[in-house]
Protein backbone atom coordinates (compact mmCIF):
# COMPACT_ATOMS: atom_id res chain seq x y z
CA MET A 1 117.48 94.93 101.01
CA ILE A 2 117.35 98.23 102.86
CA SER A 3 114.42 99.98 104.46
CA VAL A 4 114.54 103.39 106.07
CA ALA A 5 112.71 105.09 108.89
CA LYS A 6 113.07 108.57 110.37
CA ILE A 7 114.08 109.31 113.96
CA GLN A 8 112.33 112.53 114.74
CA ARG A 9 110.93 112.57 118.32
CA ARG A 10 113.35 113.44 121.13
CA ASN A 11 112.19 110.48 123.19
CA ALA A 12 112.66 108.10 120.26
CA TRP A 13 115.88 106.91 121.81
CA ARG A 14 113.85 105.16 124.52
CA TYR A 15 112.16 103.05 121.90
CA TYR A 16 115.57 101.98 120.56
CA VAL A 17 117.21 101.19 123.93
CA ARG A 18 114.08 99.45 125.33
CA GLY A 19 112.98 97.69 122.19
CA VAL A 20 115.32 97.65 119.27
CA ALA A 21 118.47 97.15 121.36
CA PHE A 22 116.60 94.39 123.24
CA GLY A 23 115.86 92.36 120.11
CA ASP A 24 112.54 94.02 119.36
CA GLY A 25 111.37 92.88 122.85
CA ARG A 26 110.26 94.76 125.89
CA ARG A 27 113.11 95.25 128.32
CA PRO A 28 112.11 95.03 131.98
CA ARG A 29 111.84 98.50 133.57
CA GLY A 30 114.78 99.30 135.81
CA GLN A 31 117.10 96.70 134.32
CA ALA A 32 120.36 97.96 132.77
CA LEU A 33 120.65 97.52 129.08
CA LYS A 34 123.95 95.60 129.25
CA ASP A 35 122.52 93.23 131.92
CA ALA A 36 119.30 92.68 130.00
CA GLN A 37 121.21 91.90 126.70
CA GLU A 38 123.51 89.44 128.47
CA MET A 39 120.60 87.61 130.18
CA ALA A 40 118.69 87.40 126.86
CA GLY A 41 121.81 86.27 125.01
CA LEU A 42 121.58 89.22 122.56
CA PRO A 43 124.56 90.86 120.86
CA PRO A 44 125.29 94.42 122.18
CA GLY A 45 124.99 97.37 119.88
CA VAL A 46 128.23 98.75 118.49
CA TRP A 47 129.39 102.01 116.94
CA ARG A 48 130.45 102.23 113.32
CA GLY A 49 131.44 104.98 110.86
CA ARG A 50 134.45 107.12 110.12
CA GLY A 51 132.95 110.10 112.02
CA LEU A 52 133.56 108.40 115.39
CA ALA A 53 137.04 109.75 115.70
CA ALA A 54 135.75 113.27 116.23
CA LEU A 55 133.73 112.04 119.20
CA GLY A 56 136.54 110.07 120.79
CA LEU A 57 134.86 106.73 119.98
CA THR A 58 136.24 103.79 118.04
CA ALA A 59 134.52 101.37 115.64
CA GLY A 60 133.30 98.27 117.41
CA GLN A 61 132.90 99.99 120.77
CA ARG A 62 129.79 99.02 122.67
CA VAL A 63 126.79 101.38 122.59
CA THR A 64 125.56 102.31 126.10
CA GLU A 65 122.16 103.53 127.09
CA ARG A 66 123.43 106.94 128.26
CA GLN A 67 125.30 107.48 124.99
CA MET A 68 121.98 106.74 123.09
CA GLU A 69 120.19 109.32 125.26
CA LEU A 70 122.83 111.97 124.72
CA VAL A 71 123.44 111.45 120.96
CA PHE A 72 119.98 110.45 119.62
CA GLY A 73 117.84 112.03 122.36
CA GLU A 74 119.53 115.38 122.99
CA GLY A 75 121.88 115.78 119.98
CA ARG A 76 124.94 116.06 122.22
CA HIS A 77 128.39 114.58 122.51
CA PRO A 78 128.34 110.97 123.79
CA ASP A 79 130.82 112.00 126.56
CA ALA A 80 128.89 115.22 127.31
CA ASP A 81 128.66 114.47 131.06
CA ARG A 82 132.41 114.46 131.56
CA MET A 83 132.85 117.49 129.25
CA GLU A 84 130.15 119.45 131.09
CA ARG A 85 131.69 118.72 134.51
CA GLU A 86 135.09 119.98 133.40
CA LEU A 87 133.65 123.19 132.02
CA LEU A 88 131.70 123.74 135.28
CA ASP A 89 134.88 123.18 137.28
CA ASP A 90 136.59 125.81 135.13
CA GLY A 91 133.94 128.39 136.16
CA ALA A 92 131.56 128.25 133.13
CA ASP A 93 127.88 128.75 133.79
CA PRO A 94 125.58 125.72 133.37
CA GLU A 95 124.00 126.88 130.10
CA THR A 96 127.29 127.69 128.44
CA ALA A 97 128.68 124.33 129.56
CA ARG A 98 125.73 122.47 128.17
CA LEU A 99 125.82 124.30 124.82
CA ALA A 100 129.44 123.39 124.44
CA THR A 101 128.51 119.70 124.23
CA VAL A 102 125.76 120.14 121.63
CA LEU A 103 126.49 118.78 118.13
CA GLY A 104 125.34 121.45 115.71
CA GLN A 105 122.07 123.36 116.18
CA PRO A 106 120.31 122.62 119.43
CA ILE A 107 117.13 120.57 119.10
CA GLU A 108 115.31 123.08 121.30
CA GLU A 109 115.83 125.85 118.82
CA ILE A 110 114.34 123.76 116.02
CA GLU A 111 111.28 122.96 118.15
CA GLN A 112 110.87 126.63 119.11
CA ARG A 113 110.31 127.39 115.40
CA LYS A 114 107.47 124.85 115.43
CA GLN A 115 109.51 122.49 113.31
CA LYS A 116 110.05 118.82 113.81
CA PRO A 117 113.71 117.92 114.19
CA LEU A 118 115.20 115.02 112.22
CA ILE A 119 117.62 113.42 114.69
CA GLY A 120 118.66 110.47 112.54
CA LEU A 121 117.74 107.81 110.07
CA ASP A 122 117.27 104.02 110.77
CA PHE A 123 118.69 101.99 107.88
CA VAL A 124 117.65 98.34 108.19
CA PHE A 125 119.77 95.81 106.21
CA ARG A 126 118.42 92.34 105.59
CA PRO A 127 119.39 89.67 102.99
CA GLN A 128 117.20 87.79 100.65
CA ALA A 129 114.82 85.21 102.09
CA SER A 130 116.72 82.17 100.70
CA LEU A 131 119.92 83.42 102.46
CA VAL A 132 118.01 83.77 105.71
CA VAL A 133 116.62 80.18 105.36
CA LEU A 134 120.16 78.86 104.70
CA TRP A 135 121.47 80.79 107.70
CA ALA A 136 118.73 79.52 110.05
CA LEU A 137 118.86 75.85 109.01
CA GLY A 138 122.55 75.53 108.10
CA ASP A 139 125.45 74.31 110.15
CA ALA A 140 127.81 76.51 112.23
CA ARG A 141 130.19 77.23 109.35
CA THR A 142 127.32 78.20 107.01
CA ARG A 143 126.02 80.66 109.64
CA TRP A 144 129.50 82.05 110.22
CA VAL A 145 129.98 82.65 106.45
CA ILE A 146 126.55 84.38 106.01
CA GLU A 147 126.95 86.52 109.15
CA ARG A 148 130.46 87.53 108.14
CA ALA A 149 129.26 88.46 104.61
CA HIS A 150 126.35 90.43 106.08
CA ARG A 151 128.62 92.41 108.41
CA ARG A 152 131.17 93.09 105.58
CA ALA A 153 128.42 94.06 103.15
CA VAL A 154 126.91 96.48 105.67
CA GLY A 155 130.41 98.03 106.20
CA LYS A 156 131.08 98.40 102.51
CA THR A 157 127.70 100.01 101.93
CA LEU A 158 128.22 102.51 104.72
CA ARG A 159 131.73 103.35 103.42
CA TRP A 160 130.30 103.89 99.96
CA LEU A 161 127.78 106.29 101.36
CA GLU A 162 130.61 108.15 103.18
CA ASP A 163 132.80 108.26 100.09
CA GLU A 164 130.21 109.07 97.38
CA VAL A 165 126.97 110.28 98.86
CA VAL A 166 127.14 111.96 102.30
CA GLU A 167 127.36 115.80 102.47
CA VAL A 168 126.71 118.36 105.17
CA ARG A 169 124.69 121.39 104.29
CA TRP A 170 124.22 124.93 105.76
CA ALA A 171 123.01 128.36 104.64
CA SER A 172 119.66 126.78 103.71
CA GLY A 173 121.40 124.23 101.60
CA ARG A 174 123.35 126.68 99.49
CA GLN A 175 126.71 125.59 101.01
CA ARG A 176 127.79 121.98 101.14
CA ALA A 177 130.94 120.01 102.05
CA LYS A 178 131.95 116.39 102.42
CA PRO A 179 132.37 115.33 106.06
CA PRO A 180 135.07 112.92 107.31
CA GLY A 181 132.43 110.25 107.90
CA LEU A 182 129.18 109.13 109.59
CA VAL A 183 128.31 108.34 113.18
CA VAL A 184 126.30 105.10 113.27
CA ALA A 185 124.93 102.92 116.14
CA THR A 186 124.16 99.37 114.95
CA PHE A 187 122.00 96.67 116.55
CA ARG A 188 121.78 93.15 115.05
CA HIS A 189 118.60 91.04 115.28
CA PHE A 190 118.12 87.34 114.45
CA ASP A 191 114.35 86.99 114.18
CA ASN A 192 111.11 88.80 113.34
CA ARG A 193 108.28 89.63 115.74
CA ASP A 194 106.74 86.17 115.08
CA GLY A 195 109.98 84.48 116.23
CA PHE A 196 110.82 83.17 112.77
CA PRO A 197 114.29 83.71 111.27
CA LEU A 198 115.11 87.14 109.92
CA LEU A 199 118.78 88.17 110.08
CA HIS A 200 118.87 91.97 109.94
CA GLU A 201 120.74 94.92 111.33
CA HIS A 202 119.49 98.32 112.41
CA CYS A 203 121.90 101.17 111.56
CA LEU A 204 121.03 104.41 113.30
CA ILE A 205 122.74 107.19 111.30
CA LEU A 206 123.08 110.40 113.21
CA ASN A 207 121.90 113.51 111.28
CA ARG A 208 125.00 115.39 112.15
CA ALA A 209 128.46 115.49 110.62
CA GLN A 210 131.51 117.77 110.65
CA ARG A 211 132.35 120.51 108.25
CA PRO A 212 136.05 121.02 107.27
CA ASP A 213 136.32 123.67 110.04
CA GLY A 214 135.26 121.09 112.70
CA SER A 215 131.75 122.47 113.33
CA TRP A 216 128.76 120.13 113.27
CA TYR A 217 125.88 120.51 110.79
CA ALA A 218 122.96 118.47 109.52
CA LEU A 219 123.38 115.96 106.68
CA ASP A 220 121.82 116.42 103.28
CA THR A 221 119.23 113.67 103.92
CA VAL A 222 117.61 114.21 100.53
CA ARG A 223 120.86 112.85 98.90
CA LEU A 224 120.74 109.86 101.26
CA TYR A 225 117.15 109.06 100.34
CA LYS A 226 117.89 109.39 96.58
CA ASN A 227 120.74 106.89 96.77
CA ILE A 228 118.97 104.25 98.82
CA VAL A 229 118.29 102.08 95.80
CA ALA A 230 121.99 102.20 94.73
CA ALA A 231 123.03 101.39 98.29
CA ASP A 232 120.50 98.52 98.45
CA SER A 233 121.84 96.97 95.20
CA LEU A 234 125.40 97.29 96.50
CA TYR A 235 124.62 95.56 99.82
CA THR A 236 122.77 92.69 97.98
CA LEU A 237 125.50 92.29 95.41
CA GLU A 238 128.38 92.29 97.92
CA MET A 239 126.67 89.87 100.39
CA THR A 240 125.36 87.42 97.76
CA THR A 241 128.69 87.30 95.95
CA GLU A 242 130.73 86.56 99.10
CA VAL A 243 128.35 83.86 100.27
CA CYS A 244 128.19 82.18 96.88
CA GLU A 245 131.97 82.25 96.40
CA ARG A 246 132.78 80.89 99.80
CA LEU A 247 130.09 78.15 99.80
CA GLY A 248 130.05 77.24 96.11
CA LEU A 249 126.54 78.51 95.53
CA ALA A 250 124.72 80.38 92.73
CA THR A 251 121.62 82.51 92.29
CA VAL A 252 118.38 82.04 90.30
CA PRO A 253 115.68 84.61 89.56
CA ARG A 254 112.42 84.22 91.56
CA GLU A 255 109.44 86.17 90.31
CA VAL A 256 107.60 87.49 93.31
CA THR A 257 105.09 89.78 91.43
CA PRO A 258 104.29 89.02 87.77
CA GLY A 259 105.71 91.68 85.50
CA LEU A 260 108.12 93.15 88.06
CA ARG A 261 111.83 92.55 88.56
CA PRO A 262 112.58 89.13 89.92
CA VAL A 263 114.53 88.63 93.17
CA MET A 264 117.82 86.77 92.87
CA GLU A 265 117.63 83.98 95.38
CA ILE A 266 120.02 81.10 96.23
CA ALA A 267 119.56 78.19 93.87
CA GLY A 268 118.38 75.05 95.66
CA VAL A 269 116.30 76.68 98.43
CA ASP A 270 112.80 75.34 98.06
CA GLN A 271 109.96 77.83 97.84
CA GLU A 272 108.15 76.12 100.70
CA LEU A 273 111.05 76.84 102.98
CA ILE A 274 110.96 80.53 101.93
CA ASP A 275 107.19 80.61 102.66
CA TRP A 276 107.79 78.94 106.04
CA SER A 277 110.21 81.67 107.13
CA SER A 278 108.19 84.54 105.67
CA THR A 279 105.18 84.55 108.00
CA ARG A 280 104.97 88.36 108.27
CA ARG A 281 105.20 88.78 104.58
CA ARG A 282 102.25 86.47 103.87
CA ARG A 283 100.09 88.32 106.39
CA ILE A 284 101.02 91.70 104.96
CA GLU A 285 100.22 90.49 101.41
CA ASP A 286 96.83 89.23 102.47
CA VAL A 287 95.86 92.54 104.15
CA LEU A 288 97.46 94.50 101.24
CA GLU A 289 95.21 92.70 98.72
CA GLY A 290 92.09 93.75 100.68
CA ILE A 291 93.02 97.46 101.08
CA THR A 292 94.11 97.59 97.40
CA ASP A 293 90.64 96.45 96.36
CA GLU A 294 89.14 99.18 98.54
CA TYR A 295 91.48 101.71 96.88
CA VAL A 296 90.36 100.58 93.41
CA LYS A 297 86.62 100.82 94.41
CA LYS A 298 87.17 104.34 95.79
CA HIS A 299 89.38 105.79 93.00
CA GLY A 300 88.44 103.61 90.05
CA ARG A 301 92.07 102.78 89.20
CA LEU A 302 95.04 100.81 90.42
CA PRO A 303 97.41 102.59 92.85
CA GLY A 304 100.56 104.15 91.52
CA VAL A 305 104.05 103.68 92.83
CA ARG A 306 103.75 106.12 95.72
CA ALA A 307 100.30 104.91 96.63
CA ARG A 308 101.49 101.27 96.64
CA ARG A 309 104.19 102.19 99.13
CA GLY A 310 101.74 103.93 101.40
CA LEU A 311 99.34 100.95 101.23
CA ALA A 312 102.21 98.55 101.95
CA TRP A 313 103.16 100.59 105.05
CA TRP A 314 99.56 100.60 106.20
CA ALA A 315 99.31 96.88 105.75
CA ALA A 316 102.55 96.34 107.66
CA GLN A 317 101.25 98.45 110.56
CA GLU A 318 97.87 96.62 110.56
CA THR A 319 99.64 93.22 110.84
CA ARG A 320 102.38 94.22 113.27
CA PRO A 321 102.35 91.91 116.32
CA ASP A 322 103.16 92.93 119.84
CA LYS A 323 106.64 92.90 121.17
CA LYS A 324 107.98 89.46 122.06
CA THR A 325 110.27 88.06 124.72
CA PRO A 326 113.72 87.75 123.09
CA ARG A 327 115.59 84.42 123.28
CA PRO A 328 119.24 83.51 122.74
CA LEU A 329 120.23 82.49 119.25
CA ASP A 330 121.04 78.87 120.21
CA GLN A 331 117.43 78.49 121.53
CA LEU A 332 116.02 80.10 118.33
CA LEU A 333 118.16 77.80 116.13
CA ALA A 334 116.89 74.75 117.94
CA TRP A 335 113.22 75.91 117.68
CA TRP A 336 113.59 76.70 113.94
CA ARG A 337 115.09 73.30 113.22
CA VAL A 338 112.35 71.49 115.09
CA SER A 339 109.67 73.56 113.38
CA ALA A 340 111.20 72.90 109.90
CA LEU A 341 111.64 69.17 110.60
CA ARG A 342 108.04 68.78 111.71
CA LYS A 343 106.75 70.56 108.59
CA PHE A 344 109.07 69.29 105.90
CA GLY A 345 110.92 66.24 107.27
CA PRO A 346 114.69 65.59 107.70
CA ARG A 347 115.35 64.97 103.99
CA MET A 348 114.47 68.54 102.97
CA VAL A 349 116.11 70.15 106.05
CA ASP A 350 119.31 68.13 106.46
CA GLY A 351 120.23 68.10 102.81
CA LEU A 352 119.57 71.80 102.23
CA LEU A 353 123.19 72.97 101.84
CA GLN A 354 124.11 69.97 99.63
CA ARG A 355 121.14 70.67 97.34
CA CYS A 356 122.20 74.27 97.09
CA GLN A 357 125.82 73.39 96.28
CA ALA A 358 124.69 70.88 93.63
CA ALA A 359 122.41 73.47 92.00
CA GLY A 360 125.22 76.04 92.25
CA ALA A 361 127.72 73.73 90.64
CA ALA A 362 125.45 73.21 87.67
CA ILE A 363 124.98 76.92 87.15
CA ARG A 364 128.60 77.64 87.62
CA ALA A 365 129.51 75.03 85.01
CA ARG A 366 127.70 77.01 82.33
CA VAL A 367 128.07 80.59 83.60
CA GLY A 368 131.63 81.88 83.43
CA PRO A 369 133.11 84.56 85.75
CA TRP A 370 133.33 87.30 83.16
CA VAL A 371 131.34 90.35 82.06
CA ASP A 372 131.25 92.08 78.70
CA THR A 373 131.16 95.78 79.40
CA ALA A 374 129.71 96.75 76.05
CA LEU A 375 126.70 94.48 76.36
CA ALA A 376 126.40 95.43 80.04
CA ALA A 377 126.26 99.12 79.18
CA ALA A 378 123.60 98.48 76.54
CA ASP A 379 121.55 96.41 78.98
CA VAL A 380 121.72 99.03 81.79
CA ALA A 381 120.95 101.97 79.44
CA ALA A 382 117.99 100.34 77.82
CA VAL A 383 116.46 99.13 81.05
CA VAL A 384 116.92 102.48 82.92
CA PHE A 385 115.60 104.43 79.90
CA THR A 386 112.51 102.23 79.45
CA VAL A 387 111.63 102.19 83.16
CA ARG A 388 112.28 105.84 83.91
CA GLY A 389 112.68 107.87 80.67
CA VAL A 390 114.71 110.51 82.53
CA PHE A 391 117.44 109.28 84.88
CA SER A 392 120.64 110.29 86.68
CA ARG A 393 123.85 108.45 87.39
CA ARG A 394 122.53 106.88 90.60
CA HIS A 395 119.84 105.06 88.68
CA VAL A 396 122.38 103.75 86.15
CA LEU A 397 124.77 102.67 88.89
CA ALA A 398 122.00 100.73 90.69
CA GLU A 399 121.02 99.04 87.49
CA ALA A 400 124.70 98.16 86.72
CA ARG A 401 124.97 96.38 90.07
CA ARG A 402 121.70 94.53 89.37
CA HIS A 403 123.14 93.49 85.96
CA LEU A 404 126.24 92.03 87.64
CA LEU A 405 124.08 90.08 90.17
CA GLU A 406 121.80 88.75 87.38
CA THR A 407 124.54 87.93 84.87
CA LEU A 408 127.28 86.50 87.05
CA ARG A 409 124.78 84.60 89.16
CA GLY A 410 126.89 84.90 92.34
CA ARG A 411 130.32 84.69 90.73
CA ALA A 412 133.03 87.21 91.87
CA TYR A 413 133.44 90.43 89.92
CA VAL A 414 136.25 92.84 89.57
CA ARG A 415 135.97 95.79 91.97
CA GLY A 416 135.00 99.05 90.34
CA ILE A 417 133.39 97.43 87.29
CA ASP A 418 129.97 98.63 88.40
CA SER A 419 131.05 102.29 88.18
CA HIS A 420 132.78 101.58 84.87
CA ILE A 421 129.62 100.16 83.35
CA ALA A 422 127.54 103.01 84.63
CA ASP A 423 129.90 105.66 83.18
CA ARG A 424 130.13 103.79 79.88
CA ALA A 425 126.34 103.58 79.63
CA LEU A 426 126.01 107.34 80.19
CA GLU A 427 128.88 108.12 77.81
CA ARG A 428 127.66 105.92 74.98
CA TYR A 429 123.89 106.08 75.21
CA GLY A 430 122.98 109.02 77.51
CA ARG A 431 121.98 112.46 76.35
CA GLN A 432 122.46 115.10 78.97
CA LEU A 433 119.35 117.15 79.73
CA THR A 434 120.75 119.37 82.49
CA VAL A 435 122.16 122.58 80.94
CA PRO A 436 124.56 124.58 83.19
CA GLN A 437 123.39 128.18 83.58
CA LYS A 438 125.82 131.04 83.19
CA GLY A 439 126.44 132.75 86.48
CA ARG A 440 125.09 129.85 88.57
CA ARG A 441 126.86 127.07 90.38
CA THR A 442 127.91 124.21 88.12
CA PRO A 443 125.71 121.11 88.99
CA ALA A 444 127.51 118.24 90.65
CA PRO A 445 127.81 115.10 88.53
CA ASP A 446 125.10 113.35 90.52
CA GLN A 447 122.76 116.28 89.90
CA LEU A 448 122.85 115.83 86.08
CA PHE A 449 119.85 114.30 84.35
CA TYR A 450 119.95 112.21 81.19
CA THR A 451 117.77 110.49 78.63
CA ALA A 452 118.56 108.18 75.66
CA ASP A 453 117.73 108.36 71.99
CA PHE A 454 116.21 104.87 71.88
CA VAL A 455 112.97 103.88 70.30
CA TRP A 456 110.33 103.67 72.98
CA PRO A 457 109.26 100.01 73.28
CA VAL A 458 105.62 99.48 72.40
CA ARG A 459 103.12 98.07 74.89
CA TRP A 460 101.55 94.67 74.39
CA TRP A 461 99.18 92.43 76.22
CA ILE A 462 100.04 89.26 78.14
CA ALA A 463 97.54 86.52 78.29
CA GLY A 464 96.21 85.85 81.75
CA THR A 465 96.32 82.57 83.67
CA ASP A 466 93.75 80.74 85.70
CA GLY A 467 90.94 82.45 83.86
CA LYS A 468 92.15 85.97 84.50
CA PRO A 469 91.87 88.52 81.74
CA PRO A 470 94.97 89.61 79.79
CA ARG A 471 97.15 92.36 81.40
CA GLU A 472 99.17 95.12 79.95
CA SER A 473 102.95 94.56 79.89
CA SER A 474 104.91 96.29 82.61
CA ARG A 475 107.66 98.74 82.09
CA TYR A 476 110.22 96.24 83.33
CA GLU A 477 109.03 93.63 80.83
CA ARG A 478 109.34 96.14 78.00
CA ALA A 479 112.73 97.13 79.35
CA ARG A 480 113.94 93.51 79.11
CA VAL A 481 112.73 93.44 75.50
CA ALA A 482 114.56 96.74 74.65
CA SER A 483 117.71 95.52 76.41
CA LEU A 484 117.83 92.23 74.53
CA ALA A 485 117.06 93.91 71.20
CA LEU A 486 119.98 96.27 71.71
CA GLN A 487 122.35 93.52 72.79
CA ASN A 488 121.42 91.45 69.73
CA ALA A 489 122.16 94.57 67.58
CA ILE A 490 125.64 94.79 69.22
CA ARG A 491 126.28 91.05 68.59
CA ALA A 492 125.27 91.48 64.94
CA SER A 493 127.62 94.40 64.53
CA LEU A 494 130.49 92.36 65.98
CA THR A 495 130.00 89.53 63.58
CA ALA A 496 129.84 91.90 60.54
CA PRO A 497 132.81 92.32 58.24
CA PRO A 498 135.44 94.90 59.27
CA ALA A 499 134.44 97.34 56.57
CA VAL A 500 130.86 97.42 57.91
CA ARG A 501 131.92 97.53 61.48
CA ASP A 502 133.77 100.80 60.95
CA GLU A 503 130.48 102.55 60.13
CA ALA A 504 128.57 104.22 62.95
CA PRO A 505 124.79 103.72 62.66
CA THR A 506 122.42 105.48 65.11
CA ALA A 507 121.92 103.94 68.56
CA THR A 508 118.34 102.90 68.86
CA ALA A 509 116.65 99.86 70.20
CA SER A 510 115.87 98.70 66.77
CA ALA A 511 119.19 99.46 65.13
CA ALA A 512 122.87 98.65 65.92
CA PRO A 513 124.69 101.10 68.22
CA PRO A 514 127.82 102.95 67.23
CA THR A 515 130.70 100.51 66.81
CA GLY A 516 133.52 102.67 65.55
CA ASN A 517 134.83 103.24 69.06
CA TYR A 518 134.01 99.81 70.37
CA ASP A 519 136.59 98.97 73.04
CA GLN A 520 136.27 95.47 74.17
CA ALA A 521 139.36 95.77 76.29
CA ALA A 522 138.22 98.70 78.38
CA PRO A 523 139.66 99.09 81.87
CA ARG A 524 138.25 96.38 84.19
CA GLY A 525 135.93 95.19 81.36
CA VAL A 526 137.09 91.89 79.94
CA ASP A 527 135.51 89.03 78.05
CA HIS A 528 137.11 86.40 80.24
CA PRO A 529 140.26 85.99 82.20
CA GLY A 530 143.28 85.16 80.02
CA ARG A 531 141.49 85.72 76.70
CA ASP A 532 143.36 84.93 73.53
CA ALA A 533 144.21 88.15 71.59
CA VAL A 534 144.15 86.29 68.24
CA LEU A 535 140.41 85.51 68.49
CA THR A 536 138.47 87.00 65.63
CA ALA A 537 135.48 89.29 66.16
CA ALA A 538 133.06 86.50 65.23
CA GLN A 539 134.71 84.06 67.63
CA ARG A 540 134.64 86.63 70.48
CA ALA A 541 131.03 87.50 69.75
CA ALA A 542 130.03 83.81 69.85
CA ALA A 543 131.69 83.35 73.17
CA ILE A 544 130.07 86.42 74.65
CA GLN A 545 126.68 85.39 73.38
CA ALA A 546 127.04 81.92 74.81
CA HIS A 547 127.85 83.45 78.19
CA GLN A 548 125.01 85.89 78.17
CA GLU A 549 122.56 83.17 77.25
CA ALA A 550 123.86 80.92 79.98
CA ALA A 551 123.16 83.55 82.54
CA MET A 552 119.71 84.48 81.24
CA PRO A 553 116.61 82.95 82.80
CA GLN A 554 115.09 80.08 80.75
CA GLU A 555 111.96 82.04 79.74
CA TYR A 556 114.17 84.64 78.00
CA LEU A 557 115.73 81.89 75.87
CA GLU A 558 112.26 80.52 74.83
CA GLY A 559 111.46 83.67 72.83
CA ARG A 560 108.89 84.99 75.25
CA THR A 561 110.86 88.11 75.92
CA THR A 562 113.01 88.60 72.83
CA ASP A 563 109.98 88.84 70.59
CA PRO A 564 107.05 90.80 72.10
CA ALA A 565 104.64 89.19 69.66
CA THR A 566 105.17 85.73 71.17
CA TRP A 567 103.77 86.85 74.49
CA VAL A 568 100.27 86.84 72.86
CA THR A 569 100.68 84.56 69.90
CA SER A 570 102.14 81.49 71.52
CA PRO A 571 99.81 78.47 71.38
CA GLN A 572 99.21 78.46 75.12
CA ASN A 573 98.33 82.14 75.22
CA LEU A 574 96.14 81.90 72.13
CA ALA A 575 94.20 79.15 73.83
CA ARG A 576 93.76 81.23 76.91
CA ILE A 577 92.70 84.21 74.89
CA ALA A 578 90.28 82.08 72.85
CA ALA A 579 88.66 80.86 76.08
CA ILE A 580 88.34 84.36 77.42
CA THR A 581 86.93 85.53 74.08
CA ARG A 582 84.32 82.73 73.97
CA ALA A 583 83.22 83.55 77.52
CA SER A 584 83.02 87.28 76.65
CA GLU A 585 80.98 86.56 73.54
CA ALA A 586 78.61 84.36 75.40
CA ARG A 587 78.01 87.07 77.98
CA GLY A 588 77.48 89.52 75.11
CA ARG A 589 74.86 87.24 73.44
CA THR A 590 73.04 86.92 76.77
CA VAL A 591 72.96 90.63 77.25
CA GLU A 592 71.85 91.18 73.56
CA GLU A 593 69.02 88.65 73.90
CA HIS A 594 67.82 90.31 77.09
CA ALA A 595 67.98 93.72 75.46
CA GLY A 596 66.03 92.40 72.36
CA GLN A 597 63.31 91.00 74.60
CA THR A 598 63.09 94.38 76.41
CA ARG A 599 62.82 96.27 73.11
CA GLN A 600 60.02 93.98 71.93
CA VAL A 601 57.99 94.70 75.05
CA GLU A 602 58.60 98.43 74.70
CA GLN A 603 57.71 98.42 70.97
CA GLY A 604 54.39 96.73 71.75
CA LYS A 605 53.48 99.65 73.98
CA GLN A 606 54.61 102.50 71.58
CA THR A 607 52.31 104.15 68.90
CA PRO A 608 53.21 103.76 65.21
CA ALA A 609 54.14 107.47 64.91
CA ALA A 610 56.46 107.30 67.91
CA ASP A 611 57.95 104.12 66.61
CA ALA A 612 58.67 105.66 63.18
CA GLY A 613 60.30 108.73 64.83
CA ASP A 614 62.43 106.51 66.99
CA GLN A 615 63.44 104.37 64.04
CA GLN A 616 64.51 107.43 62.10
CA GLN A 617 66.51 108.79 65.05
CA ARG A 618 68.37 105.50 65.51
CA HIS A 619 69.40 105.50 61.79
CA SER A 620 70.60 109.05 61.88
CA THR A 621 72.60 108.84 65.13
CA ALA A 622 76.31 107.85 64.56
CA ARG A 623 77.65 104.98 66.69
CA PRO A 624 80.62 105.65 69.02
CA ASP A 625 82.86 103.41 66.91
CA GLU A 626 81.67 104.65 63.51
CA GLY A 627 84.47 105.78 61.23
CA ARG A 628 87.20 104.03 63.29
CA GLY A 629 89.44 101.27 62.05
CA ALA A 630 89.46 97.84 63.52
CA GLY A 631 91.25 97.48 66.83
CA PRO A 632 94.47 95.52 67.14
CA HIS A 633 92.63 92.41 68.49
CA ARG A 634 89.69 92.40 66.07
């Protein structure tokens, strides 16, 4: 998972070299950063990115305090001191020598315009909670595998941003170009502010990059923000896949919030261990529940997506503890192990990896290492359309990576298949909405917007649990229904006779998609390795369906998601709804009896004339529901 923060203040570099570079601790004043990190047993920060060559730096080189001050505090070359001395020796005046070391527009000029400069972005990479638990309580080899996978996944994500996303802009954004690469300072942490395990990495991306002519300009940070979800899904997919392949593990979906997308966690990691390591998350959730109630009381409605993000940020700030004293990793590992042993006992802690491998072996025995690109494209298109309505390629690409993670359950995948699935979903199901205007610049492929000609899934109600009232289905739940309906239509078309398969019906969620151009052997999209070419369409469809069902969560196979009606009409839900209905009717009778008694008292005080006039008025006034049909639940 990736979170992003802005680096805007000129003195923000002090926070990073005194706190972030010191393991979120408080470095003693006057102590050099290198000495403080070595005494605390913390790993030093290192430089990353392809843009380092233009600055005379190499990937993996140690980040110094002076370099942080120059680059992220003054927007200058990391070796500006030497360059400035050489220019002064050659006879240049001090101001000219200083400006020669500035990367792009000086920060002072931006501040003189009463604008707040954006110096950089802090991308924080962290794996799922189950991987953090396995890393903290596992043996040395397990930790090495997870740390190596984390480092490689961060590197691949940064390279993808450099190759596909990053651009420099000038002339008020009218001119753009792709730079050679990024300049990134990275700092790895091992714990959160409570001292519990949280493997994560701060990647400080400098908001400057080179144009083709060698000059330095600001990045198009809007593009970076828009592609965070796609980068997040790539990091999670890469890291989870490598760990599962090297350790023989698999993933299972864990529902964090009812109705929203589940998190793919490592199978075999107990929920109690995840809760033990997520102390900060529990406190944030408790505070978030309280401020959400206040929001509802004030506005009379639940917060939207943007409001939820703001409330979550506020809850995180409210529960943020003070800086801690950092400790070496070996001390942290010993303390984590003692804490887990005291809480859960040696049986749960010592046998963690073996339980995960046993659960992974069971899943790998029934989930094969192959992906059907036609069904994947249908799933991706249906989910993105139902959740967003209007989308671009980055949304489809992020969903394609999630599909691989959910379907393969940690098995290895062929490189490039995520882009292939995204392109196929747009080509087969997407309808382009962006129309190029004559005389204007042609939009880039990532600036095109699409929709799909699917039937919009209807909303339904899901029976509540623990006495709670029914809730409306979420967009993600309706997206899963639309996806599975479309996949079933594809399977039905594959098993049909050849004469029928050559027809091309319309592509809707309730009808089969076009099958005349169905290409099961598309590049990098295969049923399974070494498939037999003599298999009939029915045999291949049966094998694909078995694989898809093996990868699906159990609740999807029970009919709860494939048929929306079963969400309400199952015996368990009917019982809950009946109990809620009885309680509601009882309250209604109580209110009605109280109102009847009140009317009797008032009627005794009224005159006959007034009573007759009131009676006539009640008979002549239409009720609010008069003339309407019965509701869906009457």
